[in-house]
């Protein structure tokens, strides 16, 4: 049986060399996982047993096992390139209603707005509905935009946020100033007020308006009257003031204690279409707080320490960002961001049991078990995502070259056993 043993060794070493060659060939393939040949010995046995000291009849390749160790992560310039730092797999639609899995994060957008691989397979995740990602929803192909719909971000009127912030102004009013020499207040006469400042607010159509605030020292100690005017946006009725009652609205009175701290921080502003400069019902009426929390009355010059408001104009889609947790944020030209979806990953109890399909794809098999779906970062088995990055092949070229030399020597040794067996057989044939 010497020839059979040597032949089996040649076959096993040949397959091991094929495996090493495949690893080396894919050393630059993104997301590639190296394989290793595992061998088993072969024994001849009969129904009655092979005796106390059976002699084997060679070797065989028991399995080619892929090693799912983490590869290095390289930085790229494509914001949709995504690397998994952990044990999860991307889920991709195979085009026939099924799901395949991969580690190659080289993604791009197709003409329909879907995130796709180089082979055109669509990346799956949870789609956001009105900016809300519903945890536990089924995975569907992620679509960053629909070409049949507007790509403009919806504007938000000042005071229209969930918390109804409105305007937040933090100012210092100079306690050393006296009552203005001119009364009553007139926005066009600087001698009728002490200080003024302005900010931009937005109506429900996203049109900007200049909202000016004026501060008048009151007759009562430590009190200030606050007034406001508003200018028209482009296209509105060309008058400077749109507020009723002479064009000026008194916000109310700011009261400070003897330490200069504000004791009445929140005032209110109410604006109608006519006050915004429109004729007819063009925008939604606005009612929002003007919060002066943190403002002071110290013996120092007037200062605006902070001035923020929660409105913004409409914006067009400018780009995307993918977070560590897989949330895909759309970035708009108005400075706002809005979730459009979330990449979710799959994990397997036995990833070595996945069936390789080529093109950096694997399919579920009975050996791998069912996929366990989760959000990146939710547990160690999925890992986290790194945007603008790709996972390199985990092939160790140095180790593969050493393995190649080892298998080459093994192949030569098995060939030598065949040569030796042939020499022995020749000797027997030549006996006289």
Protein backbone atom coordinates (compact mmCIF):
# COMPACT_ATOMS: atom_id res chain seq x y z
CA UNK A 1 0.00 0.00 0.00
CA UNK A 2 3.04 2.31 -0.13
CA UNK A 3 2.00 3.80 -3.46
CA UNK A 4 -1.47 4.67 -2.09
CA UNK A 5 0.00 6.31 0.97
CA UNK A 6 2.40 8.43 -1.05
CA UNK A 7 -0.36 9.35 -3.52
CA UNK A 8 -2.69 10.46 -0.72
CA UNK A 9 0.12 12.57 0.73
CA UNK A 10 0.72 14.22 -2.64
CA UNK A 11 -2.99 14.98 -2.97
CA UNK A 12 -3.21 16.46 0.53
CA UNK A 13 -0.09 18.58 0.08
CA UNK A 14 -1.35 19.76 -3.31
CA UNK A 15 -4.64 20.95 -1.81
CA UNK A 16 -2.76 22.67 1.02
CA UNK A 17 -0.60 24.46 -1.57
CA UNK A 18 -3.77 25.49 -3.42
CA UNK A 19 -5.11 26.96 -0.18
CA UNK A 20 -1.88 28.87 0.46
CA UNK A 21 -1.90 30.14 -3.13
CA UNK A 22 -5.49 31.33 -2.79
CA UNK A 23 -4.62 33.19 0.43
CA UNK A 24 -1.65 34.90 -1.22
CA UNK A 25 -3.71 35.79 -4.30
CA UNK A 26 -6.30 37.50 -2.06
CA UNK A 27 -3.87 39.27 0.24
CA UNK A 28 -5.12 42.61 -1.16
CA UNK A 29 -8.82 41.68 -1.29
CA UNK A 30 -10.90 43.84 1.06
CA UNK A 31 -12.60 41.81 3.78
CA UNK A 32 -11.04 38.50 2.66
CA UNK A 33 -10.66 35.81 5.30
CA UNK A 34 -7.76 33.38 4.91
CA UNK A 35 -8.26 29.63 4.83
CA UNK A 36 -6.23 26.78 6.22
CA UNK A 37 -6.18 23.10 5.28
CA UNK A 38 -6.88 20.61 8.05
CA UNK A 39 -5.72 17.01 7.53
CA UNK A 40 -6.85 13.63 8.83
CA UNK A 41 -5.20 10.21 8.68
CA UNK A 42 -6.78 7.25 6.92
CA UNK A 43 -6.79 3.65 8.23
CA UNK A 44 -7.84 0.46 6.46
CA UNK A 45 -10.25 -1.50 8.61
CA UNK A 46 -12.38 -4.58 8.24
CA UNK A 47 -15.57 -5.57 10.02
CA UNK A 48 -13.52 -7.69 12.41
CA UNK A 49 -11.05 -4.92 13.16
CA UNK A 50 -7.65 -3.99 11.83
CA UNK A 51 -5.53 -5.69 14.43
CA UNK A 52 -3.57 -4.39 17.35
CA UNK A 53 -1.10 -2.39 15.26
CA UNK A 54 -2.88 -1.17 12.13
CA UNK A 55 -0.87 0.66 9.49
CA UNK A 56 -2.49 3.72 7.99
CA UNK A 57 -3.09 4.05 4.27
CA UNK A 58 -2.35 7.77 4.00
CA UNK A 59 -3.80 11.21 4.66
CA UNK A 60 -6.72 13.24 3.46
CA UNK A 61 -7.91 16.83 3.68
CA UNK A 62 -10.58 16.91 6.37
CA UNK A 63 -11.67 20.51 5.75
CA UNK A 64 -10.63 23.91 4.44
CA UNK A 65 -11.45 26.23 7.34
CA UNK A 66 -11.66 30.01 6.99
CA UNK A 67 -10.14 32.10 9.77
CA UNK A 68 -12.46 34.97 10.73
CA UNK A 69 -9.85 37.00 12.60
CA UNK A 70 -9.97 40.79 12.41
CA UNK A 71 -8.08 42.46 9.56
CA UNK A 72 -6.40 45.85 9.75
CA UNK A 73 -8.54 48.91 8.95
CA UNK A 74 -7.38 51.35 6.28
CA UNK A 75 -8.73 54.89 5.86
CA UNK A 76 -10.32 55.92 2.55
CA UNK A 77 -11.87 59.08 1.08
CA UNK A 78 -15.28 57.54 0.35
CA UNK A 79 -17.79 58.35 3.14
CA UNK A 80 -19.79 55.23 2.27
CA UNK A 81 -16.81 52.89 2.69
CA UNK A 82 -17.45 51.10 5.99
CA UNK A 83 -15.32 48.71 8.02
CA UNK A 84 -16.55 46.36 10.72
CA UNK A 85 -14.33 46.28 13.79
CA UNK A 86 -15.66 43.12 15.37
CA UNK A 87 -17.32 39.85 14.45
CA UNK A 88 -20.46 40.98 12.58
CA UNK A 89 -21.39 40.65 8.92
CA UNK A 90 -23.09 43.08 6.55
CA UNK A 91 -26.48 41.90 5.29
CA UNK A 92 -27.11 42.31 1.58
CA UNK A 93 -30.11 41.57 -0.56
CA UNK A 94 -29.25 38.91 -3.16
CA UNK A 95 -31.83 40.26 -5.62
CA UNK A 96 -34.12 37.25 -5.22
CA UNK A 97 -35.57 38.02 -1.79
CA UNK A 98 -32.79 36.28 0.11
CA UNK A 99 -29.88 37.56 2.17
CA UNK A 100 -26.15 37.03 1.77
CA UNK A 101 -23.46 38.15 4.19
CA UNK A 102 -20.13 39.87 3.76
CA UNK A 103 -17.29 41.82 5.32
CA UNK A 104 -16.37 43.93 2.30
CA UNK A 105 -17.57 47.47 3.05
CA UNK A 106 -16.84 49.04 -0.35
CA UNK A 107 -20.23 50.66 -0.88
CA UNK A 108 -21.56 53.27 -3.26
CA UNK A 109 -24.87 54.79 -4.34
CA UNK A 110 -26.73 53.57 -7.39
CA UNK A 111 -28.95 55.73 -9.57
CA UNK A 112 -32.00 54.92 -7.43
CA UNK A 113 -30.39 56.05 -4.18
CA UNK A 114 -29.68 52.60 -2.71
CA UNK A 115 -26.39 51.71 -0.99
CA UNK A 116 -24.90 48.91 -3.07
CA UNK A 117 -21.76 46.77 -3.25
CA UNK A 118 -19.48 46.54 -6.28
CA UNK A 119 -21.65 43.66 -7.50
CA UNK A 120 -24.82 45.75 -7.16
CA UNK A 121 -26.14 44.01 -4.06
CA UNK A 122 -28.16 46.32 -1.81
CA UNK A 123 -27.04 46.84 1.79
CA UNK A 124 -29.81 46.10 4.29
CA UNK A 125 -30.75 47.94 7.46
CA UNK A 126 -33.61 49.74 9.20
CA UNK A 127 -35.12 52.61 7.22
CA UNK A 128 -35.99 55.79 9.14
CA UNK A 129 -39.56 57.07 8.95
CA UNK A 130 -39.78 60.85 9.37
CA UNK A 131 -36.33 60.84 10.95
CA UNK A 132 -37.20 58.09 13.47
CA UNK A 133 -35.51 54.68 13.46
CA UNK A 134 -37.80 52.03 14.96
CA UNK A 135 -35.63 49.49 16.78
CA UNK A 136 -36.45 45.88 15.93
CA UNK A 137 -37.93 46.68 12.53
CA UNK A 138 -37.19 44.16 9.74
CA UNK A 139 -34.12 44.78 7.62
CA UNK A 140 -34.78 46.26 4.19
CA UNK A 141 -32.47 47.67 1.49
CA UNK A 142 -31.24 51.07 2.68
CA UNK A 143 -32.24 53.94 0.41
CA UNK A 144 -30.60 57.26 1.14
CA UNK A 145 -32.80 59.24 -1.21
CA UNK A 146 -35.66 58.73 -3.60
CA UNK A 147 -35.07 60.49 -6.96
CA UNK A 148 -38.85 60.94 -7.35
CA UNK A 149 -39.05 62.98 -4.14
CA UNK A 150 -37.64 66.31 -3.04
CA UNK A 151 -34.14 66.25 -1.58
CA UNK A 152 -34.77 69.47 0.33
CA UNK A 153 -34.75 69.38 4.10
CA UNK A 154 -37.98 70.63 5.69
CA UNK A 155 -37.66 74.08 7.31
CA UNK A 156 -38.56 74.69 10.94
CA UNK A 157 -40.17 77.84 12.28
CA UNK A 158 -38.64 79.47 15.33
CA UNK A 159 -40.32 77.90 18.33
CA UNK A 160 -41.29 74.86 16.27
CA UNK A 161 -38.85 72.39 17.81
CA UNK A 162 -40.02 69.59 20.09
CA UNK A 163 -38.88 71.57 23.12
CA UNK A 164 -40.30 74.84 21.71
CA UNK A 165 -37.06 76.63 22.53
CA UNK A 166 -37.77 79.83 20.61
CA UNK A 167 -35.12 82.48 21.25
CA UNK A 168 -32.58 82.19 24.05
CA UNK A 169 -30.78 85.46 24.75
CA UNK A 170 -28.15 85.98 27.41
CA UNK A 171 -27.23 89.65 27.78
CA UNK A 172 -25.77 92.02 30.31
CA UNK A 173 -27.65 95.30 30.73
CA UNK A 174 -25.57 98.19 32.08
CA UNK A 175 -26.94 99.11 35.51
CA UNK A 176 -25.19 102.49 35.34
CA UNK A 177 -27.46 103.76 32.56
CA UNK A 178 -30.43 106.01 33.24
CA UNK A 179 -33.90 106.32 31.74
CA UNK A 180 -33.74 107.38 28.04
CA UNK A 181 -34.22 111.08 27.43
CA UNK A 182 -36.94 110.48 24.82
CA UNK A 183 -40.29 108.85 25.50
CA UNK A 184 -42.23 106.93 24.37
CA UNK A 185 -40.07 104.26 22.76
CA UNK A 186 -39.49 104.64 19.03
CA UNK A 187 -37.26 102.13 17.28
CA UNK A 188 -36.20 104.83 14.81
CA UNK A 189 -34.95 107.16 17.58
CA UNK A 190 -31.86 105.84 19.40
CA UNK A 191 -32.44 108.32 22.22
CA UNK A 192 -35.63 106.46 23.19
CA UNK A 193 -33.87 103.23 24.18
CA UNK A 194 -30.62 102.25 25.88
CA UNK A 195 -29.39 99.19 23.98
CA UNK A 196 -30.42 96.91 21.10
CA UNK A 197 -29.47 93.62 19.50
CA UNK A 198 -30.86 91.40 16.75
CA UNK A 199 -31.07 87.80 15.58
CA UNK A 200 -32.53 85.94 12.60
CA UNK A 201 -35.74 83.97 13.03
CA UNK A 202 -37.59 81.77 10.53
CA UNK A 203 -41.24 81.38 9.64
CA UNK A 204 -42.92 78.07 8.73
CA UNK A 205 -41.80 78.40 5.09
CA UNK A 206 -38.19 78.83 6.13
CA UNK A 207 -38.03 82.53 5.23
CA UNK A 208 -35.57 84.48 7.38
CA UNK A 209 -36.62 87.60 9.30
CA UNK A 210 -34.48 89.98 11.29
CA UNK A 211 -35.84 90.08 14.82
CA UNK A 212 -34.54 93.17 16.66
CA UNK A 213 -34.81 93.63 20.42
CA UNK A 214 -34.56 96.95 22.25
CA UNK A 215 -34.00 97.49 25.97
CA UNK A 216 -35.33 100.54 27.83
CA UNK A 217 -34.38 101.29 31.44
CA UNK A 218 -37.55 101.37 33.54
CA UNK A 219 -38.64 103.90 36.12
CA UNK A 220 -38.81 101.21 38.80
CA UNK A 221 -35.51 100.07 40.26
CA UNK A 222 -33.80 97.14 38.53
CA UNK A 223 -36.38 96.88 35.75
CA UNK A 224 -36.03 97.06 31.96
CA UNK A 225 -38.67 97.13 29.25
CA UNK A 226 -37.98 94.87 26.27
CA UNK A 227 -39.39 95.71 22.81
CA UNK A 228 -39.15 93.92 19.47
CA UNK A 229 -39.53 94.76 15.80
CA UNK A 230 -39.22 92.57 12.74
CA UNK A 231 -38.14 93.24 9.15
CA UNK A 232 -39.65 91.61 6.10
CA UNK A 233 -38.07 88.83 4.09
CA UNK A 234 -37.55 89.18 0.37
CA UNK A 235 -40.87 89.11 -1.47
CA UNK A 236 -43.01 90.30 1.45
CA UNK A 237 -44.81 93.63 1.65
CA UNK A 238 -42.01 96.27 1.62
CA UNK A 239 -42.54 97.92 4.95
CA UNK A 240 -39.92 97.90 7.65
CA UNK A 241 -42.29 97.07 10.48
CA UNK A 242 -45.03 94.48 10.34
CA UNK A 243 -46.08 94.39 13.98
CA UNK A 244 -49.42 95.82 14.87
CA UNK A 245 -50.03 98.71 17.25
CA UNK A 246 -47.65 101.19 15.67
CA UNK A 247 -45.19 98.54 14.57
CA UNK A 248 -43.71 97.83 17.96
CA UNK A 249 -44.54 95.05 20.40
CA UNK A 250 -43.59 95.22 24.07
CA UNK A 251 -42.25 91.81 25.07
CA UNK A 252 -42.57 92.64 28.73
CA UNK A 253 -40.48 93.65 31.69
CA UNK A 254 -37.15 92.19 32.79
CA UNK A 255 -36.70 92.36 36.57
CA UNK A 256 -33.36 91.89 38.36
CA UNK A 257 -32.56 91.49 42.03
CA UNK A 258 -30.05 93.59 43.94
CA UNK A 259 -27.27 91.16 42.97
CA UNK A 260 -27.90 91.74 39.27
CA UNK A 261 -29.49 88.34 38.62
CA UNK A 262 -32.60 88.05 36.46
CA UNK A 263 -35.76 86.99 38.30
CA UNK A 264 -38.20 86.95 35.33
CA UNK A 265 -36.40 85.13 32.52
CA UNK A 266 -39.18 84.11 30.10
CA UNK A 267 -41.15 86.53 27.92
CA UNK A 268 -43.33 85.66 24.93
CA UNK A 269 -43.48 86.66 21.26
CA UNK A 270 -46.51 86.19 19.03
CA UNK A 271 -46.36 86.83 15.27
CA UNK A 272 -49.09 86.65 12.65
CA UNK A 273 -48.87 86.60 8.85
CA UNK A 274 -49.61 90.30 8.66
CA UNK A 275 -46.94 91.08 11.22
CA UNK A 276 -44.44 89.08 9.16
CA UNK A 277 -45.24 91.19 6.12
CA UNK A 278 -47.49 88.83 4.19
CA UNK A 279 -50.94 89.61 2.88
CA UNK A 280 -53.15 86.60 3.53
CA UNK A 281 -52.60 83.26 5.20
CA UNK A 282 -49.12 82.40 3.85
CA UNK A 283 -47.37 81.00 6.91
CA UNK A 284 -48.46 79.47 10.19
CA UNK A 285 -48.86 81.89 13.13
CA UNK A 286 -45.91 81.85 15.48
CA UNK A 287 -45.87 81.88 19.26
CA UNK A 288 -42.54 81.26 20.91
CA UNK A 289 -40.75 82.17 24.14
CA UNK A 290 -37.98 84.72 24.33
CA UNK A 291 -35.93 83.39 27.22
CA UNK A 292 -33.42 85.72 28.88
CA UNK A 293 -32.22 83.13 31.42
CA UNK A 294 -28.72 83.89 32.62
CA UNK A 295 -28.94 87.57 31.74
CA UNK A 296 -27.52 90.04 34.23
CA UNK A 297 -27.64 93.70 35.21
CA UNK A 298 -24.10 94.59 36.20
CA UNK A 299 -22.19 97.83 36.17
CA UNK A 300 -20.49 96.91 32.90
CA UNK A 301 -21.01 97.67 29.25
CA UNK A 302 -23.89 96.07 27.39
CA UNK A 303 -22.86 92.63 26.05
CA UNK A 304 -24.55 89.78 24.21
CA UNK A 305 -23.12 86.62 25.77
CA UNK A 306 -25.27 84.18 23.78
CA UNK A 307 -28.04 84.37 21.19
CA UNK A 308 -29.58 81.18 19.79
CA UNK A 309 -32.91 80.19 18.27
CA UNK A 310 -34.35 76.87 17.10
CA UNK A 311 -35.59 77.75 13.61
CA UNK A 312 -33.87 77.10 10.32
CA UNK A 313 -34.43 77.46 6.60
CA UNK A 314 -34.88 74.61 4.15
CA UNK A 315 -31.73 72.93 2.91
CA UNK A 316 -30.63 70.59 0.17
CA UNK A 317 -28.99 67.22 0.72
CA UNK A 318 -25.22 67.71 0.79
CA UNK A 319 -23.82 64.36 2.00
CA UNK A 320 -23.98 61.48 4.43
CA UNK A 321 -22.22 60.29 7.56
CA UNK A 322 -22.27 56.77 9.01
CA UNK A 323 -21.81 56.54 12.78
CA UNK A 324 -20.23 53.79 14.87
CA UNK A 325 -23.72 52.54 15.69
CA UNK A 326 -24.60 52.27 12.01
CA UNK A 327 -26.92 55.30 11.92
CA UNK A 328 -26.77 56.98 8.50
CA UNK A 329 -27.21 60.75 8.85
CA UNK A 330 -28.11 62.95 5.92
CA UNK A 331 -26.35 66.34 6.02
CA UNK A 332 -28.15 69.39 4.61
CA UNK A 333 -26.89 72.77 3.49
CA UNK A 334 -28.80 74.49 6.31
CA UNK A 335 -26.53 72.81 8.86
CA UNK A 336 -29.10 70.23 9.94
CA UNK A 337 -28.79 66.45 10.01
CA UNK A 338 -31.52 63.88 9.75
CA UNK A 339 -31.34 60.07 10.20
CA UNK A 340 -32.23 58.20 7.03
CA UNK A 341 -31.55 54.67 8.25
CA UNK A 342 -29.34 52.37 10.30
CA UNK A 343 -27.06 49.57 9.20
CA UNK A 344 -27.66 46.41 11.24
CA UNK A 345 -25.29 43.46 11.36
CA UNK A 346 -25.61 39.69 11.57
CA UNK A 347 -23.66 37.37 13.85
CA UNK A 348 -23.28 33.57 13.75
CA UNK A 349 -22.47 31.04 16.45
CA UNK A 350 -20.24 29.19 14.00
CA UNK A 351 -19.02 31.54 11.27
CA UNK A 352 -16.66 28.80 9.98
CA UNK A 353 -19.83 26.98 8.92
CA UNK A 354 -20.85 29.70 6.45
CA UNK A 355 -20.88 28.65 2.83
CA UNK A 356 -18.45 30.70 0.69
CA UNK A 357 -20.08 32.09 -2.47
CA UNK A 358 -17.22 34.12 -3.89
CA UNK A 359 -17.23 37.90 -4.39
CA UNK A 360 -16.61 38.28 -0.64
CA UNK A 361 -19.99 36.76 0.15
CA UNK A 362 -21.18 33.94 2.37
CA UNK A 363 -24.50 32.17 2.73
CA UNK A 364 -26.11 30.73 5.81
CA UNK A 365 -25.83 26.95 6.17
CA UNK A 366 -27.09 24.36 8.67
CA UNK A 367 -23.59 24.28 10.14
CA UNK A 368 -23.38 28.03 10.70
CA UNK A 369 -26.75 28.27 12.40
CA UNK A 370 -29.31 31.03 12.03
CA UNK A 371 -28.11 34.66 11.94
CA UNK A 372 -28.43 36.73 15.09
CA UNK A 373 -29.32 40.29 14.12
CA UNK A 374 -28.19 43.31 16.13
CA UNK A 375 -27.16 46.94 16.08
CA UNK A 376 -23.43 47.75 15.77
CA UNK A 377 -21.97 48.35 19.19
CA UNK A 378 -24.87 46.71 21.04
CA UNK A 379 -22.65 43.78 22.02
CA UNK A 380 -19.14 42.53 21.41
CA UNK A 381 -20.25 39.91 18.90
CA UNK A 382 -21.22 42.53 16.29
CA UNK A 383 -18.46 45.10 16.73
CA UNK A 384 -18.70 48.73 15.68
CA UNK A 385 -18.54 50.44 12.31
CA UNK A 386 -15.87 52.83 11.07
CA UNK A 387 -16.93 55.09 8.23
CA UNK A 388 -14.45 56.04 5.49
CA UNK A 389 -12.54 52.88 6.29
CA UNK A 390 -12.10 49.37 4.91
CA UNK A 391 -11.06 46.11 6.54
CA UNK A 392 -7.96 44.67 4.88
CA UNK A 393 -7.47 40.99 4.20
CA UNK A 394 -6.34 39.09 7.29
CA UNK A 395 -3.75 37.13 5.27
CA UNK A 396 -0.30 37.07 6.93
CA UNK A 397 2.02 36.91 3.94
CA UNK A 398 5.03 35.90 6.02
CA UNK A 399 3.18 32.97 7.55
CA UNK A 400 1.77 31.93 4.18
CA UNK A 401 5.18 31.87 2.54
CA UNK A 402 6.51 29.69 5.36
CA UNK A 403 3.48 27.40 4.97
CA UNK A 404 4.16 27.20 1.27
CA UNK A 405 7.73 26.05 1.89
CA UNK A 406 6.52 23.51 4.45
CA UNK A 407 3.92 22.03 2.11
CA UNK A 408 6.43 22.00 -0.73
CA UNK A 409 8.79 19.90 1.37
CA UNK A 410 5.91 17.65 2.35
CA UNK A 411 5.05 17.17 -1.32
CA UNK A 412 8.68 16.30 -2.12
CA UNK A 413 8.84 13.83 0.79
CA UNK A 414 5.68 12.06 -0.36
CA UNK A 415 7.08 11.86 -3.87
CA UNK A 416 10.22 10.34 -2.39
CA UNK A 417 8.19 7.59 -0.66
CA UNK A 418 6.72 6.64 -4.04
CA UNK A 419 10.20 6.59 -5.55
CA UNK A 420 11.48 4.41 -2.71
CA UNK A 421 8.54 2.00 -3.04
CA UNK A 422 9.22 1.78 -6.76
CA UNK A 423 12.87 0.96 -6.07
CA UNK A 424 11.88 -1.82 -3.64
CA UNK A 425 9.42 -3.25 -6.13
CA UNK A 426 12.09 -3.17 -8.84
CA UNK A 427 14.42 -5.11 -6.59
CA UNK A 428 11.78 -7.78 -6.02
CA UNK A 429 11.11 -8.08 -9.77
CA UNK A 430 14.81 -8.53 -10.48
CA UNK A 431 15.23 -11.46 -8.00
CA UNK A 432 16.43 -14.65 -9.72
